[in-house]
């Protein structure tokens, strides 16, 4: 299975924790990493180039868009869930969240 692992903007130690959580979730899967610079997580989704690159790659490669947690993906959890719901409805994107496996394509749609 293919995974597009997105590491949101954070301090280097927090990005290491995200990478570790994503490695545990993806196991032996084929993983492509997308790392965002610190500070970008407070911007709108349209202004986040690395997030857009990751989602576009996941859609074209039939891969799972994977994050370690939705709590810091955007400045509010509801924004992250709304954005994910939009991606699933519009593009049939598969999603995975390492710290909350109940969040999936089926649960947000």
C-alpha atoms as a PDB file:
ATOM      1  CA  UNK A   1       0.000   0.000   0.000  1.00  0.00           C
ATOM      2  CA  UNK A   2       1.177   3.535  -0.769  1.00  0.00           C
ATOM      3  CA  UNK A   3       1.180   6.350   1.758  1.00  0.00           C
ATOM      4  CA  UNK A   4       1.704  10.081   1.375  1.00  0.00           C
ATOM      5  CA  UNK A   5       3.036  10.973   4.816  1.00  0.00           C
ATOM      6  CA  UNK A   6       2.513  14.646   5.599  1.00  0.00           C
ATOM      7  CA  UNK A   7       4.542  16.218   8.414  1.00  0.00           C
ATOM      8  CA  UNK A   8       3.056  19.594   9.286  1.00  0.00           C
ATOM      9  CA  UNK A   9       5.119  22.608  10.247  1.00  0.00           C
ATOM     10  CA  UNK A  10       6.561  22.279  13.727  1.00  0.00           C
ATOM     11  CA  UNK A  11       9.836  22.389  15.630  1.00  0.00           C
ATOM     12  CA  UNK A  12      12.388  19.730  14.597  1.00  0.00           C
ATOM     13  CA  UNK A  13      11.772  17.531  17.670  1.00  0.00           C
ATOM     14  CA  UNK A  14       8.010  17.588  17.054  1.00  0.00           C
ATOM     15  CA  UNK A  15       8.595  16.659  13.409  1.00  0.00           C
ATOM     16  CA  UNK A  16      10.693  13.666  14.556  1.00  0.00           C
ATOM     17  CA  UNK A  17       7.782  12.510  16.739  1.00  0.00           C
ATOM     18  CA  UNK A  18       5.406  12.870  13.798  1.00  0.00           C
ATOM     19  CA  UNK A  19       7.720  10.833  11.568  1.00  0.00           C
ATOM     20  CA  UNK A  20       7.983   8.097  14.210  1.00  0.00           C
ATOM     21  CA  UNK A  21       4.188   7.870  14.592  1.00  0.00           C
ATOM     22  CA  UNK A  22       3.727   7.742  10.822  1.00  0.00           C
ATOM     23  CA  UNK A  23       6.366   4.998  10.476  1.00  0.00           C
ATOM     24  CA  UNK A  24       4.466   2.919  13.024  1.00  0.00           C
ATOM     25  CA  UNK A  25       1.197   3.450  11.158  1.00  0.00           C
ATOM     26  CA  UNK A  26       2.516   2.743   7.661  1.00  0.00           C
ATOM     27  CA  UNK A  27       4.568  -0.317   8.589  1.00  0.00           C
ATOM     28  CA  UNK A  28       6.258  -1.800   5.526  1.00  0.00           C
ATOM     29  CA  UNK A  29       4.194   0.267   3.093  1.00  0.00           C
ATOM     30  CA  UNK A  30       5.621   2.414   0.330  1.00  0.00           C
ATOM     31  CA  UNK A  31       5.923   5.878   1.930  1.00  0.00           C
ATOM     32  CA  UNK A  32       6.613   9.217   0.289  1.00  0.00           C
ATOM     33  CA  UNK A  33       7.411  11.972   2.781  1.00  0.00           C
ATOM     34  CA  UNK A  34       6.210  15.578   2.572  1.00  0.00           C
ATOM     35  CA  UNK A  35       7.611  17.929   5.224  1.00  0.00           C
ATOM     36  CA  UNK A  36       6.248  21.429   5.741  1.00  0.00           C
ATOM     37  CA  UNK A  37       8.327  24.285   7.223  1.00  0.00           C
ATOM     38  CA  UNK A  38       7.452  25.506  10.706  1.00  0.00           C
ATOM     39  CA  UNK A  39       4.757  28.180  10.899  1.00  0.00           C
ATOM     40  CA  UNK A  40       2.787  27.117   7.842  1.00  0.00           C
ATOM     41  CA  UNK A  41       0.115  25.241   9.849  1.00  0.00           C
ATOM     42  CA  UNK A  42      -1.616  28.525  10.716  1.00  0.00           C
ATOM     43  CA  UNK A  43      -2.217  29.405   7.053  1.00  0.00           C
ATOM     44  CA  UNK A  44      -5.202  28.495   4.910  1.00  0.00           C
ATOM     45  CA  UNK A  45      -4.974  25.163   3.113  1.00  0.00           C
ATOM     46  CA  UNK A  46      -4.753  26.921  -0.262  1.00  0.00           C
ATOM     47  CA  UNK A  47      -1.599  28.753   0.871  1.00  0.00           C
ATOM     48  CA  UNK A  48       0.228  25.615   2.005  1.00  0.00           C
ATOM     49  CA  UNK A  49       2.295  24.401  -0.945  1.00  0.00           C
ATOM     50  CA  UNK A  50       3.626  21.201   0.665  1.00  0.00           C
ATOM     51  CA  UNK A  51       0.153  20.170   1.827  1.00  0.00           C
ATOM     52  CA  UNK A  52      -1.152  20.689  -1.707  1.00  0.00           C
ATOM     53  CA  UNK A  53       1.745  18.692  -3.174  1.00  0.00           C
ATOM     54  CA  UNK A  54       1.082  15.809  -0.790  1.00  0.00           C
ATOM     55  CA  UNK A  55      -2.657  15.679  -1.476  1.00  0.00           C
ATOM     56  CA  UNK A  56      -2.151  15.926  -5.228  1.00  0.00           C
ATOM     57  CA  UNK A  57       0.421  13.100  -5.122  1.00  0.00           C
ATOM     58  CA  UNK A  58      -1.943  10.931  -3.030  1.00  0.00           C
ATOM     59  CA  UNK A  59      -4.791  11.463  -5.491  1.00  0.00           C
ATOM     60  CA  UNK A  60      -2.716  10.677  -8.585  1.00  0.00           C
ATOM     61  CA  UNK A  61      -0.896   7.720  -6.986  1.00  0.00           C
ATOM     62  CA  UNK A  62      -3.943   6.181  -5.283  1.00  0.00           C
ATOM     63  CA  UNK A  63      -2.177   6.559  -1.943  1.00  0.00           C
ATOM     64  CA  UNK A  64      -3.423   7.173   1.592  1.00  0.00           C
ATOM     65  CA  UNK A  65      -2.994  10.748   2.840  1.00  0.00           C
ATOM     66  CA  UNK A  66      -1.431  10.152   6.249  1.00  0.00           C
ATOM     67  CA  UNK A  67      -0.862  12.457   9.218  1.00  0.00           C
ATOM     68  CA  UNK A  68       0.291  11.738  12.739  1.00  0.00           C
ATOM     69  CA  UNK A  69      -2.515  13.784  14.322  1.00  0.00           C
ATOM     70  CA  UNK A  70      -5.208  16.244  13.318  1.00  0.00           C
ATOM     71  CA  UNK A  71      -4.705  18.347  16.438  1.00  0.00           C
ATOM     72  CA  UNK A  72      -1.953  20.499  14.920  1.00  0.00           C
ATOM     73  CA  UNK A  73      -2.692  20.034  11.220  1.00  0.00           C
ATOM     74  CA  UNK A  74      -4.625  23.322  11.287  1.00  0.00           C
ATOM     75  CA  UNK A  75      -5.082  25.812  14.111  1.00  0.00           C
ATOM     76  CA  UNK A  76      -8.387  24.126  15.078  1.00  0.00           C
ATOM     77  CA  UNK A  77      -9.415  20.463  14.940  1.00  0.00           C
ATOM     78  CA  UNK A  78     -12.737  21.285  13.321  1.00  0.00           C
ATOM     79  CA  UNK A  79     -10.879  22.992  10.467  1.00  0.00           C
ATOM     80  CA  UNK A  80      -8.790  19.865   9.909  1.00  0.00           C
ATOM     81  CA  UNK A  81     -11.859  17.619   9.906  1.00  0.00           C
ATOM     82  CA  UNK A  82     -13.756  19.951   7.581  1.00  0.00           C
ATOM     83  CA  UNK A  83     -10.809  20.099   5.194  1.00  0.00           C
ATOM     84  CA  UNK A  84     -10.496  16.288   5.248  1.00  0.00           C
ATOM     85  CA  UNK A  85     -14.219  15.882   4.627  1.00  0.00           C
ATOM     86  CA  UNK A  86     -13.963  18.183   1.616  1.00  0.00           C
ATOM     87  CA  UNK A  87     -11.027  16.191   0.221  1.00  0.00           C
ATOM     88  CA  UNK A  88     -12.896  12.903   0.604  1.00  0.00           C
ATOM     89  CA  UNK A  89     -16.106  14.221  -0.957  1.00  0.00           C
ATOM     90  CA  UNK A  90     -14.485  16.057  -3.849  1.00  0.00           C
ATOM     91  CA  UNK A  91     -11.558  13.785  -4.686  1.00  0.00           C
ATOM     92  CA  UNK A  92     -12.354  10.426  -3.036  1.00  0.00           C
ATOM     93  CA  UNK A  93      -9.121  10.765  -1.037  1.00  0.00           C
ATOM     94  CA  UNK A  94      -8.165   7.971   1.352  1.00  0.00           C
ATOM     95  CA  UNK A  95      -6.992   9.275   4.730  1.00  0.00           C
ATOM     96  CA  UNK A  96      -5.258   7.870   7.780  1.00  0.00           C
ATOM     97  CA  UNK A  97      -4.499   9.421  11.161  1.00  0.00           C
ATOM     98  CA  UNK A  98      -1.858   7.715  13.328  1.00  0.00           C
ATOM     99  CA  UNK A  99      -3.127   8.799  16.750  1.00  0.00           C
ATOM    100  CA  UNK A 100      -6.833   8.264  15.922  1.00  0.00           C
ATOM    101  CA  UNK A 101      -7.465   5.295  13.629  1.00  0.00           C
ATOM    102  CA  UNK A 102     -11.227   5.921  13.790  1.00  0.00           C
ATOM    103  CA  UNK A 103     -10.717   8.878  11.446  1.00  0.00           C
ATOM    104  CA  UNK A 104     -10.864   7.495   7.924  1.00  0.00           C
ATOM    105  CA  UNK A 105     -12.437   8.091   4.543  1.00  0.00           C
ATOM    106  CA  UNK A 106     -15.641   6.459   5.761  1.00  0.00           C
ATOM    107  CA  UNK A 107     -15.881   8.284   9.072  1.00  0.00           C
ATOM    108  CA  UNK A 108     -15.536  11.827   7.738  1.00  0.00           C
ATOM    109  CA  UNK A 109     -17.755  11.420   4.698  1.00  0.00           C
END
